[in-house]
Amino acid sequence: MEAAALETLRREGYTAPYPLKFEVEHRTAGELLMFRLWSPDYQTTTSWTSLGSIYLSLLREIDPVGAAVELDRMRRLIERDGTFWEVLDARGRPWRSGSRLSVSDTSMLWGAILLATLEETRQPAASPLRVG
């Protein structure tokens, strides 16, 4: 079931260019006017690294080879910027509102999820059926 769920996320476009997009298409219908003006793309096609880290952790259990490619992409982003961004735009840059008054946060706590997954890549993925 997990493999099917992860494949659905990939197939539907939630994992590209980085996992996981908040929405596949840019939609502002239903957003409050204030959000449409202030930061209309914040919860649309941006990639949220908190969700993406959980996705990558699960992907590593299901598809270690595919996860290694994606984890390496995230590793390169962190090394490039020296931090772990909360939200990424489509180019892998920290999200910024059009007004530049709102920006992506850095070094968020959920970076620990990605760090743990990256550290585990040094060892083979544990079998979910393994006891002890």
Protein backbone atom coordinates (compact mmCIF):
# COMPACT_ATOMS: atom_id res chain seq x y z
CA MET A 1 0.00 0.00 0.00
CA GLU A 2 2.85 2.41 0.81
CA ALA A 3 4.47 1.77 -2.57
CA ALA A 4 1.17 2.51 -4.32
CA ALA A 5 0.71 5.71 -2.33
CA LEU A 6 4.23 6.93 -3.11
CA GLU A 7 3.78 6.06 -6.79
CA THR A 8 0.54 8.06 -6.83
CA LEU A 9 2.34 11.10 -5.43
CA ARG A 10 5.02 10.75 -8.12
CA ARG A 11 2.57 10.12 -10.95
CA GLU A 12 0.31 13.02 -9.95
CA GLY A 13 3.25 15.47 -9.91
CA TYR A 14 3.68 16.09 -6.18
CA THR A 15 7.34 15.01 -6.13
CA ALA A 16 8.73 17.20 -8.92
CA PRO A 17 10.80 19.21 -9.01
CA TYR A 18 11.26 18.53 -5.28
CA PRO A 19 9.12 16.57 -2.85
CA LEU A 20 6.48 17.41 -1.82
CA LYS A 21 4.44 20.05 -3.52
CA PHE A 22 1.57 21.50 -1.56
CA GLU A 23 -0.54 21.53 -4.76
CA VAL A 24 0.23 20.39 -8.29
CA GLU A 25 -1.53 23.35 -9.92
CA HIS A 26 -1.52 26.97 -8.89
CA ARG A 27 -5.00 27.63 -7.53
CA THR A 28 -6.01 30.61 -5.48
CA ALA A 29 -9.76 29.99 -5.46
CA GLY A 30 -10.90 29.77 -1.87
CA GLU A 31 -7.93 31.73 -0.50
CA LEU A 32 -8.64 34.81 1.51
CA LEU A 33 -8.07 38.03 -0.41
CA MET A 34 -5.27 38.99 1.97
CA PHE A 35 -3.35 35.79 1.16
CA ARG A 36 -3.93 36.25 -2.58
CA LEU A 37 -2.29 39.66 -2.35
CA TRP A 38 0.40 38.91 0.22
CA SER A 39 1.65 35.49 -0.86
CA PRO A 40 -0.54 33.87 -3.51
CA ASP A 41 1.83 30.97 -4.22
CA TYR A 42 2.78 30.03 -0.66
CA GLN A 43 0.39 27.08 -0.38
CA THR A 44 0.16 26.17 -4.02
CA THR A 45 2.97 24.77 -6.18
CA THR A 46 5.78 25.28 -3.69
CA SER A 47 7.60 22.27 -2.27
CA TRP A 48 7.37 21.81 1.49
CA THR A 49 10.48 20.16 2.86
CA SER A 50 8.75 18.88 5.99
CA LEU A 51 6.39 16.78 3.88
CA GLY A 52 9.18 15.98 1.45
CA SER A 53 11.42 14.64 4.20
CA ILE A 54 8.74 12.22 5.35
CA TYR A 55 8.16 11.17 1.75
CA LEU A 56 11.90 10.56 1.24
CA SER A 57 12.12 8.55 4.45
CA LEU A 58 9.30 6.27 3.27
CA LEU A 59 10.69 6.12 -0.26
CA ARG A 60 13.99 4.88 1.14
CA GLU A 61 12.18 1.93 2.70
CA ILE A 62 10.25 1.11 -0.48
CA ASP A 63 12.73 2.07 -3.22
CA PRO A 64 16.28 2.61 -1.88
CA VAL A 65 17.73 3.26 -5.35
CA GLY A 66 15.13 5.88 -6.27
CA ALA A 67 15.44 7.43 -2.83
CA ALA A 68 19.22 7.72 -3.18
CA VAL A 69 18.79 9.93 -6.26
CA GLU A 70 16.24 12.17 -4.55
CA LEU A 71 18.19 12.35 -1.30
CA ASP A 72 21.29 13.38 -3.21
CA ARG A 73 19.34 16.24 -4.81
CA MET A 74 18.26 17.45 -1.36
CA ARG A 75 21.78 17.04 0.00
CA ARG A 76 23.11 19.25 -2.80
CA LEU A 77 20.52 21.96 -2.02
CA ILE A 78 21.52 21.97 1.64
CA GLU A 79 25.23 22.07 0.81
CA ARG A 80 24.66 24.86 -1.74
CA ASP A 81 22.82 27.13 0.71
CA GLY A 82 24.23 25.91 4.02
CA THR A 83 20.73 25.52 5.45
CA PHE A 84 17.51 23.58 5.20
CA TRP A 85 14.73 25.72 3.70
CA GLU A 86 11.13 25.33 4.84
CA VAL A 87 9.61 25.98 1.40
CA LEU A 88 11.21 25.80 -2.06
CA ASP A 89 10.09 27.35 -5.31
CA ALA A 90 10.09 25.43 -8.61
CA ARG A 91 13.79 26.23 -9.17
CA GLY A 92 14.89 24.88 -5.80
CA ARG A 93 15.39 28.34 -4.37
CA PRO A 94 13.96 29.52 -1.06
CA TRP A 95 10.38 30.68 -1.55
CA ARG A 96 9.77 34.44 -1.40
CA SER A 97 6.49 36.25 -1.81
CA GLY A 98 6.11 38.63 -4.72
CA SER A 99 6.23 41.50 -2.24
CA ARG A 100 9.46 40.09 -0.73
CA LEU A 101 7.93 40.66 2.71
CA SER A 102 7.54 36.92 3.33
CA VAL A 103 10.40 34.47 2.91
CA SER A 104 11.02 30.80 3.54
CA ASP A 105 12.31 29.97 7.00
CA THR A 106 15.67 28.26 7.48
CA SER A 107 16.94 25.38 9.56
CA MET A 108 13.54 24.09 10.55
CA LEU A 109 13.28 21.34 13.15
CA TRP A 110 11.92 18.84 10.66
CA GLY A 111 15.30 19.01 8.98
CA ALA A 112 16.14 16.33 11.54
CA ILE A 113 13.88 13.92 9.62
CA LEU A 114 15.89 14.46 6.45
CA LEU A 115 19.18 14.35 8.36
CA ALA A 116 18.25 11.00 9.92
CA THR A 117 17.29 9.64 6.50
CA LEU A 118 20.54 10.87 4.97
CA GLU A 119 22.51 9.30 7.82
CA GLU A 120 20.67 6.00 7.32
CA THR A 121 21.73 5.91 3.67
CA ARG A 122 25.16 4.93 4.92
CA GLN A 123 23.57 1.61 5.93
CA PRO A 124 21.23 -0.68 3.98
CA ALA A 125 17.53 -0.01 4.53
CA ALA A 126 16.11 -2.08 7.35
CA SER A 127 13.58 -4.72 6.41
CA PRO A 128 10.14 -3.84 7.80
CA LEU A 129 9.73 -7.49 8.82
CA ARG A 130 12.99 -7.68 10.74
CA VAL A 131 12.59 -8.25 14.48
CA GLY A 132 15.00 -7.00 17.13
